[in-house]
Amino acid sequence: MLPSPTPTQNILLSALPVADYARLLPVLEEVTLDVGTVLFESGGHINYLLFPTSCIVTLLYDLENGTSSQVAMVGHEGAVGIPLLLGGNTTVNRAVVQCAGTAYRIKACNLRRELSRHGELESLLLRYAQARMTQTAQNAVCNRSHSLVQQLCRWLLNSLDRIEGNELVMTQELIANNLGVRREGVTEAACKLQSEGLIQYRRGHITVLDREGLEDLVCECYAVVKDEYERLLYRRLDGDHHSIHAPRRNHVSTVSTRRHAALPI
């Protein structure tokens, strides 16, 4: 059985000093989110800052022709609704739940009251915002410069970093929407990975069989973003002995440790 959700499953909340966390806890509201739930639309008013604990939220930019592309992915390492921190109440992105799970949210008015203290929450959120800006910028570079196989590997690894286990409940159509490509392209890329024994795909379920193999194939964009999160968040938090809990970092064990030759990409 999965452990009962607690706010400290979110890395930012777990890093708060004890006094700050105790002050914030009464105004945190637990929510359960299903796949496809829209947290806010492009141009819509943002009323809450959301701290995912076991869900994944994707931020999308919708084009006029009806297609969309993923701008960023947010899991237990971060927060959704960063424009509230930066002084804005709206965003051009749409926030949609990619993987079902739980989260904790705080009303904008309570968030502003806490930020006015200029304490550790503000510092954590600002460092997180910088890390996510790196993710957004690197996504744009990757979508333009690297193959679809590499992009799919990056997407799979990013998703695994934000969940427990090695299975993703996700259709190829949804992946295609996130990557801003045709479904046929995702099908072809997924078949290549499956033929190499790296993943298994069936009825909307993707099981990663060999994470190390995906890491062999992925482009440098994955490491660039992960290193920036390490630099701005994890390394800083590891040295903080006053936080509620040590930060949690997911890493899925590989089933097979054999090295793979590069797929034709």
C-alpha atoms as a PDB file:
ATOM      1  CA  MET A   1       0.000   0.000   0.000  1.00  0.00           C
ATOM      2  CA  LEU A   2       1.134   3.544  -0.753  1.00  0.00           C
ATOM      3  CA  PRO A   3       1.840   5.735   2.283  1.00  0.00           C
ATOM      4  CA  SER A   4      -0.815   8.243   3.290  1.00  0.00           C
ATOM      5  CA  PRO A   5      -0.208  11.627   1.667  1.00  0.00           C
ATOM      6  CA  THR A   6       1.518  14.293   3.730  1.00  0.00           C
ATOM      7  CA  PRO A   7       2.729  17.772   2.733  1.00  0.00           C
ATOM      8  CA  THR A   8       6.337  16.746   3.390  1.00  0.00           C
ATOM      9  CA  GLN A   9       6.231  14.442   0.359  1.00  0.00           C
ATOM     10  CA  ASN A  10       6.735  17.681  -1.572  1.00  0.00           C
ATOM     11  CA  ILE A  11      10.430  18.590  -1.544  1.00  0.00           C
ATOM     12  CA  LEU A  12       9.884  22.327  -1.135  1.00  0.00           C
ATOM     13  CA  LEU A  13       7.573  21.898   1.841  1.00  0.00           C
ATOM     14  CA  SER A  14       9.838  19.256   3.383  1.00  0.00           C
ATOM     15  CA  ALA A  15      12.737  21.733   3.308  1.00  0.00           C
ATOM     16  CA  LEU A  16      10.978  24.425   5.336  1.00  0.00           C
ATOM     17  CA  PRO A  17      12.264  25.171   8.847  1.00  0.00           C
ATOM     18  CA  VAL A  18      10.080  23.642  11.546  1.00  0.00           C
ATOM     19  CA  ALA A  19       8.543  26.970  12.609  1.00  0.00           C
ATOM     20  CA  ASP A  20       7.727  27.976   9.017  1.00  0.00           C
ATOM     21  CA  TYR A  21       6.168  24.599   8.271  1.00  0.00           C
ATOM     22  CA  ALA A  22       4.036  24.706  11.430  1.00  0.00           C
ATOM     23  CA  ARG A  23       2.758  28.159  10.485  1.00  0.00           C
ATOM     24  CA  LEU A  24       1.914  27.026   6.936  1.00  0.00           C
ATOM     25  CA  LEU A  25       0.324  23.664   7.769  1.00  0.00           C
ATOM     26  CA  PRO A  26      -3.133  24.980   8.864  1.00  0.00           C
ATOM     27  CA  VAL A  27      -3.661  26.761   5.522  1.00  0.00           C
ATOM     28  CA  LEU A  28      -2.608  23.826   3.316  1.00  0.00           C
ATOM     29  CA  GLU A  29      -5.522  21.942   1.743  1.00  0.00           C
ATOM     30  CA  GLU A  30      -5.122  18.371   0.486  1.00  0.00           C
ATOM     31  CA  VAL A  31      -6.599  17.678  -2.968  1.00  0.00           C
ATOM     32  CA  THR A  32      -6.861  14.507  -5.050  1.00  0.00           C
ATOM     33  CA  LEU A  33      -6.387  15.070  -8.769  1.00  0.00           C
ATOM     34  CA  ASP A  34      -7.412  12.848 -11.686  1.00  0.00           C
ATOM     35  CA  VAL A  35      -5.679  12.588 -15.057  1.00  0.00           C
ATOM     36  CA  GLY A  36      -6.846  15.361 -17.363  1.00  0.00           C
ATOM     37  CA  THR A  37      -7.950  17.746 -14.612  1.00  0.00           C
ATOM     38  CA  VAL A  38      -7.353  21.333 -15.736  1.00  0.00           C
ATOM     39  CA  LEU A  39      -5.972  23.392 -12.858  1.00  0.00           C
ATOM     40  CA  PHE A  40      -6.067  26.656 -14.779  1.00  0.00           C
ATOM     41  CA  GLU A  41      -6.518  27.764 -18.358  1.00  0.00           C
ATOM     42  CA  SER A  42      -4.371  30.120 -20.383  1.00  0.00           C
ATOM     43  CA  GLY A  43      -5.212  33.654 -19.311  1.00  0.00           C
ATOM     44  CA  GLY A  44      -7.272  32.416 -16.375  1.00  0.00           C
ATOM     45  CA  HIS A  45      -6.923  33.753 -12.861  1.00  0.00           C
ATOM     46  CA  ILE A  46      -4.649  31.724 -10.556  1.00  0.00           C
ATOM     47  CA  ASN A  47      -6.178  31.411  -7.101  1.00  0.00           C
ATOM     48  CA  TYR A  48      -3.867  28.826  -5.516  1.00  0.00           C
ATOM     49  CA  LEU A  49      -0.261  27.699  -5.404  1.00  0.00           C
ATOM     50  CA  LEU A  50      -0.236  23.914  -5.679  1.00  0.00           C
ATOM     51  CA  PHE A  51       2.448  21.617  -4.190  1.00  0.00           C
ATOM     52  CA  PRO A  52       2.239  18.169  -5.857  1.00  0.00           C
ATOM     53  CA  THR A  53       3.079  15.191  -3.675  1.00  0.00           C
ATOM     54  CA  SER A  54       2.286  12.167  -5.861  1.00  0.00           C
ATOM     55  CA  CYS A  55       0.755  13.675  -9.012  1.00  0.00           C
ATOM     56  CA  ILE A  56       2.450  15.194 -12.058  1.00  0.00           C
ATOM     57  CA  VAL A  57       1.204  18.400 -13.670  1.00  0.00           C
ATOM     58  CA  THR A  58       2.182  19.469 -17.158  1.00  0.00           C
ATOM     59  CA  LEU A  59       2.189  23.084 -18.319  1.00  0.00           C
ATOM     60  CA  LEU A  60       1.098  23.415 -21.944  1.00  0.00           C
ATOM     61  CA  TYR A  61       1.075  26.171 -24.519  1.00  0.00           C
ATOM     62  CA  ASP A  62      -1.911  25.879 -26.868  1.00  0.00           C
ATOM     63  CA  LEU A  63      -1.552  27.066 -30.440  1.00  0.00           C
ATOM     64  CA  GLU A  64      -4.337  28.571 -32.535  1.00  0.00           C
ATOM     65  CA  ASN A  65      -4.406  25.497 -34.798  1.00  0.00           C
ATOM     66  CA  GLY A  66      -5.486  23.322 -31.847  1.00  0.00           C
ATOM     67  CA  THR A  67      -2.140  21.677 -31.140  1.00  0.00           C
ATOM     68  CA  SER A  68      -0.232  22.069 -27.902  1.00  0.00           C
ATOM     69  CA  SER A  69       3.286  21.593 -26.594  1.00  0.00           C
ATOM     70  CA  GLN A  70       4.663  20.971 -23.133  1.00  0.00           C
ATOM     71  CA  VAL A  71       6.411  23.937 -21.548  1.00  0.00           C
ATOM     72  CA  ALA A  72       7.347  22.289 -18.253  1.00  0.00           C
ATOM     73  CA  MET A  73       6.615  19.293 -16.034  1.00  0.00           C
ATOM     74  CA  VAL A  74       6.005  19.650 -12.286  1.00  0.00           C
ATOM     75  CA  GLY A  75       5.990  16.918  -9.665  1.00  0.00           C
ATOM     76  CA  HIS A  76       6.909  16.533  -6.020  1.00  0.00           C
ATOM     77  CA  GLU A  77      10.017  18.667  -6.574  1.00  0.00           C
ATOM     78  CA  GLY A  78       8.116  21.878  -7.198  1.00  0.00           C
ATOM     79  CA  ALA A  79       4.965  23.956  -7.298  1.00  0.00           C
ATOM     80  CA  VAL A  80       2.292  25.011  -9.795  1.00  0.00           C
ATOM     81  CA  GLY A  81       1.193  28.642  -9.912  1.00  0.00           C
ATOM     82  CA  ILE A  82       4.592  30.349  -9.848  1.00  0.00           C
ATOM     83  CA  PRO A  83       3.194  33.572 -11.441  1.00  0.00           C
ATOM     84  CA  LEU A  84       1.734  34.315  -7.983  1.00  0.00           C
ATOM     85  CA  LEU A  85       5.268  34.443  -6.623  1.00  0.00           C
ATOM     86  CA  LEU A  86       6.490  36.661  -9.451  1.00  0.00           C
ATOM     87  CA  GLY A  87       3.731  39.230  -9.124  1.00  0.00           C
ATOM     88  CA  GLY A  88       1.308  38.012 -11.778  1.00  0.00           C
ATOM     89  CA  ASN A  89      -2.085  36.401 -11.368  1.00  0.00           C
ATOM     90  CA  THR A  90      -2.391  34.875 -14.851  1.00  0.00           C
ATOM     91  CA  THR A  91      -0.234  32.937 -17.303  1.00  0.00           C
ATOM     92  CA  VAL A  92      -0.289  32.061 -21.007  1.00  0.00           C
ATOM     93  CA  ASN A  93       0.066  28.365 -20.122  1.00  0.00           C
ATOM     94  CA  ARG A  94      -2.576  25.766 -19.315  1.00  0.00           C
ATOM     95  CA  ALA A  95      -1.943  23.452 -16.342  1.00  0.00           C
ATOM     96  CA  VAL A  96      -3.220  19.875 -16.743  1.00  0.00           C
ATOM     97  CA  VAL A  97      -2.772  16.809 -14.522  1.00  0.00           C
ATOM     98  CA  GLN A  98      -0.606  14.290 -16.382  1.00  0.00           C
ATOM     99  CA  CYS A  99      -0.460  11.568 -13.708  1.00  0.00           C
ATOM    100  CA  ALA A 100      -3.149  11.213 -11.047  1.00  0.00           C
ATOM    101  CA  GLY A 101      -2.305  11.667  -7.398  1.00  0.00           C
ATOM    102  CA  THR A 102      -2.442  14.071  -4.483  1.00  0.00           C
ATOM    103  CA  ALA A 103      -1.260  17.620  -3.878  1.00  0.00           C
ATOM    104  CA  TYR A 104      -1.555  20.393  -1.305  1.00  0.00           C
ATOM    105  CA  ARG A 105      -2.660  23.881  -2.202  1.00  0.00           C
ATOM    106  CA  ILE A 106      -2.550  27.254  -0.505  1.00  0.00           C
ATOM    107  CA  LYS A 107      -4.811  30.187  -1.329  1.00  0.00           C
ATOM    108  CA  ALA A 108      -3.176  33.172  -2.986  1.00  0.00           C
ATOM    109  CA  CYS A 109      -4.010  35.462  -0.057  1.00  0.00           C
ATOM    110  CA  ASN A 110      -2.345  33.108   2.446  1.00  0.00           C
ATOM    111  CA  LEU A 111       0.655  32.698   0.166  1.00  0.00           C
ATOM    112  CA  ARG A 112       1.136  36.461  -0.116  1.00  0.00           C
ATOM    113  CA  ARG A 113       0.969  36.794   3.660  1.00  0.00           C
ATOM    114  CA  GLU A 114       3.698  34.177   4.070  1.00  0.00           C
ATOM    115  CA  LEU A 115       5.859  35.680   1.305  1.00  0.00           C
ATOM    116  CA  SER A 116       5.656  39.082   2.982  1.00  0.00           C
ATOM    117  CA  ARG A 117       7.826  37.631   5.746  1.00  0.00           C
ATOM    118  CA  HIS A 118      10.648  37.198   3.185  1.00  0.00           C
ATOM    119  CA  GLY A 119      11.551  33.908   4.810  1.00  0.00           C
ATOM    120  CA  GLU A 120      12.661  30.488   3.627  1.00  0.00           C
ATOM    121  CA  LEU A 121       9.528  29.747   1.568  1.00  0.00           C
ATOM    122  CA  GLU A 122      10.209  32.756  -0.641  1.00  0.00           C
ATOM    123  CA  SER A 123      13.849  31.725  -1.056  1.00  0.00           C
ATOM    124  CA  LEU A 124      12.915  28.140  -1.942  1.00  0.00           C
ATOM    125  CA  LEU A 125      10.284  29.186  -4.464  1.00  0.00           C
ATOM    126  CA  LEU A 126      12.610  31.674  -6.163  1.00  0.00           C
ATOM    127  CA  ARG A 127      15.327  29.035  -6.577  1.00  0.00           C
ATOM    128  CA  TYR A 128      12.739  26.607  -7.870  1.00  0.00           C
ATOM    129  CA  ALA A 129      11.469  29.217 -10.342  1.00  0.00           C
ATOM    130  CA  GLN A 130      14.994  29.606 -11.723  1.00  0.00           C
ATOM    131  CA  ALA A 131      15.374  25.851 -12.110  1.00  0.00           C
ATOM    132  CA  ARG A 132      12.057  25.605 -13.926  1.00  0.00           C
ATOM    133  CA  MET A 133      13.015  28.432 -16.282  1.00  0.00           C
ATOM    134  CA  THR A 134      15.998  26.281 -17.240  1.00  0.00           C
ATOM    135  CA  GLN A 135      13.649  23.357 -17.878  1.00  0.00           C
ATOM    136  CA  THR A 136      11.417  25.478 -20.105  1.00  0.00           C
ATOM    137  CA  ALA A 137      14.334  26.870 -22.101  1.00  0.00           C
ATOM    138  CA  GLN A 138      15.946  23.453 -22.532  1.00  0.00           C
ATOM    139  CA  ASN A 139      12.651  21.936 -23.681  1.00  0.00           C
ATOM    140  CA  ALA A 140      12.554  24.480 -26.500  1.00  0.00           C
ATOM    141  CA  VAL A 141      16.129  23.623 -27.508  1.00  0.00           C
ATOM    142  CA  CYS A 142      15.425  19.901 -27.374  1.00  0.00           C
ATOM    143  CA  ASN A 143      12.255  20.079 -29.456  1.00  0.00           C
ATOM    144  CA  ARG A 144      14.156  21.889 -32.191  1.00  0.00           C
ATOM    145  CA  SER A 145      17.490  20.086 -32.114  1.00  0.00           C
ATOM    146  CA  HIS A 146      17.010  16.446 -31.123  1.00  0.00           C
ATOM    147  CA  SER A 147      15.270  13.388 -32.518  1.00  0.00           C
ATOM    148  CA  LEU A 148      11.873  12.207 -31.374  1.00  0.00           C
ATOM    149  CA  VAL A 149      13.443   9.085 -29.850  1.00  0.00           C
ATOM    150  CA  GLN A 150      15.653  11.308 -27.689  1.00  0.00           C
ATOM    151  CA  GLN A 151      12.729  13.558 -26.787  1.00  0.00           C
ATOM    152  CA  LEU A 152      10.653  10.539 -25.748  1.00  0.00           C
ATOM    153  CA  CYS A 153      13.530   9.242 -23.603  1.00  0.00           C
ATOM    154  CA  ARG A 154      13.778  12.655 -21.939  1.00  0.00           C
ATOM    155  CA  TRP A 155      10.027  12.746 -21.321  1.00  0.00           C
ATOM    156  CA  LEU A 156      10.016   9.233 -19.840  1.00  0.00           C
ATOM    157  CA  LEU A 157      12.973   9.929 -17.543  1.00  0.00           C
ATOM    158  CA  ASN A 158      11.494  13.237 -16.374  1.00  0.00           C
ATOM    159  CA  SER A 159       8.244  11.452 -15.563  1.00  0.00           C
ATOM    160  CA  LEU A 160       9.995   8.640 -13.682  1.00  0.00           C
ATOM    161  CA  ASP A 161      11.853  11.190 -11.568  1.00  0.00           C
ATOM    162  CA  ARG A 162       8.506  12.424 -10.268  1.00  0.00           C
ATOM    163  CA  ILE A 163       6.668   9.204  -9.396  1.00  0.00           C
ATOM    164  CA  GLU A 164       7.165   6.039  -7.359  1.00  0.00           C
ATOM    165  CA  GLY A 165       7.815   2.906  -9.396  1.00  0.00           C
ATOM    166  CA  ASN A 166       8.535   2.379 -13.075  1.00  0.00           C
ATOM    167  CA  GLU A 167       5.059   2.389 -14.651  1.00  0.00           C
ATOM    168  CA  LEU A 168       3.345   5.335 -16.330  1.00  0.00           C
ATOM    169  CA  VAL A 169      -0.363   5.421 -17.133  1.00  0.00           C
ATOM    170  CA  MET A 170      -0.261   7.453 -20.316  1.00  0.00           C
ATOM    171  CA  THR A 171      -1.603   7.078 -23.850  1.00  0.00           C
ATOM    172  CA  GLN A 172       0.556   7.758 -26.874  1.00  0.00           C
ATOM    173  CA  GLU A 173      -1.907  10.451 -27.916  1.00  0.00           C
ATOM    174  CA  LEU A 174      -1.333  12.296 -24.646  1.00  0.00           C
ATOM    175  CA  ILE A 175       2.437  11.992 -25.029  1.00  0.00           C
ATOM    176  CA  ALA A 176       2.174  13.350 -28.565  1.00  0.00           C
ATOM    177  CA  ASN A 177       0.185  16.346 -27.302  1.00  0.00           C
ATOM    178  CA  ASN A 178       2.814  17.019 -24.656  1.00  0.00           C
ATOM    179  CA  LEU A 179       5.686  16.825 -27.120  1.00  0.00           C
ATOM    180  CA  GLY A 180       3.808  18.745 -29.815  1.00  0.00           C
ATOM    181  CA  VAL A 181       4.237  16.004 -32.438  1.00  0.00           C
ATOM    182  CA  ARG A 182       2.048  13.584 -34.382  1.00  0.00           C
ATOM    183  CA  ARG A 183       0.864  10.434 -32.629  1.00  0.00           C
ATOM    184  CA  GLU A 184       2.356   8.309 -35.408  1.00  0.00           C
ATOM    185  CA  GLY A 185       5.779   9.677 -34.562  1.00  0.00           C
ATOM    186  CA  VAL A 186       5.420   8.733 -30.895  1.00  0.00           C
ATOM    187  CA  THR A 187       4.235   5.246 -31.914  1.00  0.00           C
ATOM    188  CA  GLU A 188       7.316   4.749 -34.086  1.00  0.00           C
ATOM    189  CA  ALA A 189       9.681   6.027 -31.367  1.00  0.00           C
ATOM    190  CA  ALA A 190       8.014   3.878 -28.689  1.00  0.00           C
ATOM    191  CA  CYS A 191       8.289   0.800 -30.927  1.00  0.00           C
ATOM    192  CA  LYS A 192      12.026   1.390 -31.277  1.00  0.00           C
ATOM    193  CA  LEU A 193      12.437   1.583 -27.516  1.00  0.00           C
ATOM    194  CA  GLN A 194      10.275  -1.500 -27.016  1.00  0.00           C
ATOM    195  CA  SER A 195      12.201  -3.512 -29.625  1.00  0.00           C
ATOM    196  CA  GLU A 196      15.382  -2.796 -27.654  1.00  0.00           C
ATOM    197  CA  GLY A 197      13.795  -4.063 -24.454  1.00  0.00           C
ATOM    198  CA  LEU A 198      13.857  -0.649 -22.790  1.00  0.00           C
ATOM    199  CA  ILE A 199      10.109  -0.232 -22.308  1.00  0.00           C
ATOM    200  CA  GLN A 200       6.915  -2.220 -22.569  1.00  0.00           C
ATOM    201  CA  TYR A 201       3.785  -0.527 -23.857  1.00  0.00           C
ATOM    202  CA  ARG A 202       0.251  -1.891 -23.560  1.00  0.00           C
ATOM    203  CA  ARG A 203      -3.185  -0.271 -23.371  1.00  0.00           C
ATOM    204  CA  GLY A 204      -2.059   3.119 -22.135  1.00  0.00           C
ATOM    205  CA  HIS A 205       0.515   1.711 -19.703  1.00  0.00           C
ATOM    206  CA  ILE A 206       4.236   2.242 -20.235  1.00  0.00           C
ATOM    207  CA  THR A 207       6.570   0.156 -18.074  1.00  0.00           C
ATOM    208  CA  VAL A 208      10.233   1.137 -18.090  1.00  0.00           C
ATOM    209  CA  LEU A 209      12.292  -2.057 -18.087  1.00  0.00           C
ATOM    210  CA  ASP A 210      15.762  -0.547 -18.385  1.00  0.00           C
ATOM    211  CA  ARG A 211      16.261   2.999 -17.139  1.00  0.00           C
ATOM    212  CA  GLU A 212      20.000   2.857 -17.757  1.00  0.00           C
ATOM    213  CA  GLY A 213      19.314   2.091 -21.396  1.00  0.00           C
ATOM    214  CA  LEU A 214      17.121   5.204 -21.673  1.00  0.00           C
ATOM    215  CA  GLU A 215      19.885   7.266 -20.079  1.00  0.00           C
ATOM    216  CA  ASP A 216      22.307   5.953 -22.716  1.00  0.00           C
ATOM    217  CA  LEU A 217      20.053   7.233 -25.489  1.00  0.00           C
ATOM    218  CA  VAL A 218      18.734  10.503 -24.091  1.00  0.00           C
ATOM    219  CA  CYS A 219      20.177  13.809 -25.279  1.00  0.00           C
ATOM    220  CA  GLU A 220      22.165  16.150 -23.040  1.00  0.00           C
ATOM    221  CA  CYS A 221      19.046  18.208 -22.269  1.00  0.00           C
ATOM    222  CA  TYR A 222      17.978  15.768 -19.547  1.00  0.00           C
ATOM    223  CA  ALA A 223      21.269  16.116 -17.661  1.00  0.00           C
ATOM    224  CA  VAL A 224      21.387  19.906 -18.091  1.00  0.00           C
ATOM    225  CA  VAL A 225      18.024  20.352 -16.392  1.00  0.00           C
ATOM    226  CA  LYS A 226      18.628  17.708 -13.725  1.00  0.00           C
ATOM    227  CA  ASP A 227      21.991  19.254 -12.823  1.00  0.00           C
ATOM    228  CA  GLU A 228      20.362  22.658 -12.445  1.00  0.00           C
ATOM    229  CA  TYR A 229      17.739  21.275 -10.066  1.00  0.00           C
ATOM    230  CA  GLU A 230      20.556  19.610  -8.126  1.00  0.00           C
ATOM    231  CA  ARG A 231      22.524  22.855  -7.945  1.00  0.00           C
ATOM    232  CA  LEU A 232      19.652  25.129  -6.959  1.00  0.00           C
ATOM    233  CA  LEU A 233      17.585  22.830  -4.760  1.00  0.00           C
ATOM    234  CA  TYR A 234      18.875  19.415  -3.739  1.00  0.00           C
ATOM    235  CA  ARG A 235      22.465  20.299  -2.860  1.00  0.00           C
ATOM    236  CA  ARG A 236      21.303  23.319  -0.884  1.00  0.00           C
ATOM    237  CA  LEU A 237      18.673  21.269   0.938  1.00  0.00           C
ATOM    238  CA  ASP A 238      21.022  18.391   1.758  1.00  0.00           C
ATOM    239  CA  GLY A 239      23.072  20.798   3.838  1.00  0.00           C
ATOM    240  CA  ASP A 240      20.079  22.155   5.761  1.00  0.00           C
ATOM    241  CA  HIS A 241      19.777  20.345   9.095  1.00  0.00           C
ATOM    242  CA  HIS A 242      16.796  22.396  10.288  1.00  0.00           C
ATOM    243  CA  SER A 243      14.213  21.277   7.730  1.00  0.00           C
ATOM    244  CA  ILE A 244      11.286  18.952   8.445  1.00  0.00           C
ATOM    245  CA  HIS A 245      12.654  16.034   6.417  1.00  0.00           C
ATOM    246  CA  ALA A 246      15.556  15.294   4.129  1.00  0.00           C
ATOM    247  CA  PRO A 247      14.549  15.880   0.495  1.00  0.00           C
ATOM    248  CA  ARG A 248      13.263  12.859  -1.413  1.00  0.00           C
ATOM    249  CA  ARG A 249      14.793  12.099  -4.781  1.00  0.00           C
ATOM    250  CA  ASN A 250      13.327   9.346  -6.930  1.00  0.00           C
ATOM    251  CA  HIS A 251      15.540   7.087  -8.952  1.00  0.00           C
ATOM    252  CA  VAL A 252      14.034   3.981 -10.477  1.00  0.00           C
ATOM    253  CA  SER A 253      16.245   0.915 -10.321  1.00  0.00           C
ATOM    254  CA  THR A 254      17.030  -0.667 -13.646  1.00  0.00           C
ATOM    255  CA  VAL A 255      15.872  -4.201 -14.337  1.00  0.00           C
ATOM    256  CA  SER A 256      18.775  -4.798 -16.675  1.00  0.00           C
ATOM    257  CA  THR A 257      22.190  -3.167 -16.422  1.00  0.00           C
ATOM    258  CA  ARG A 258      23.446  -4.028 -19.900  1.00  0.00           C
ATOM    259  CA  ARG A 259      24.653  -1.134 -22.024  1.00  0.00           C
ATOM    260  CA  HIS A 260      22.893  -0.414 -25.311  1.00  0.00           C
ATOM    261  CA  ALA A 261      24.211   0.613 -28.648  1.00  0.00           C
ATOM    262  CA  ALA A 262      22.548   3.750 -29.919  1.00  0.00           C
ATOM    263  CA  LEU A 263      19.277   3.217 -31.740  1.00  0.00           C
ATOM    264  CA  PRO A 264      19.002   4.536 -35.274  1.00  0.00           C
ATOM    265  CA  ILE A 265      17.675   8.041 -34.718  1.00  0.00           C
END
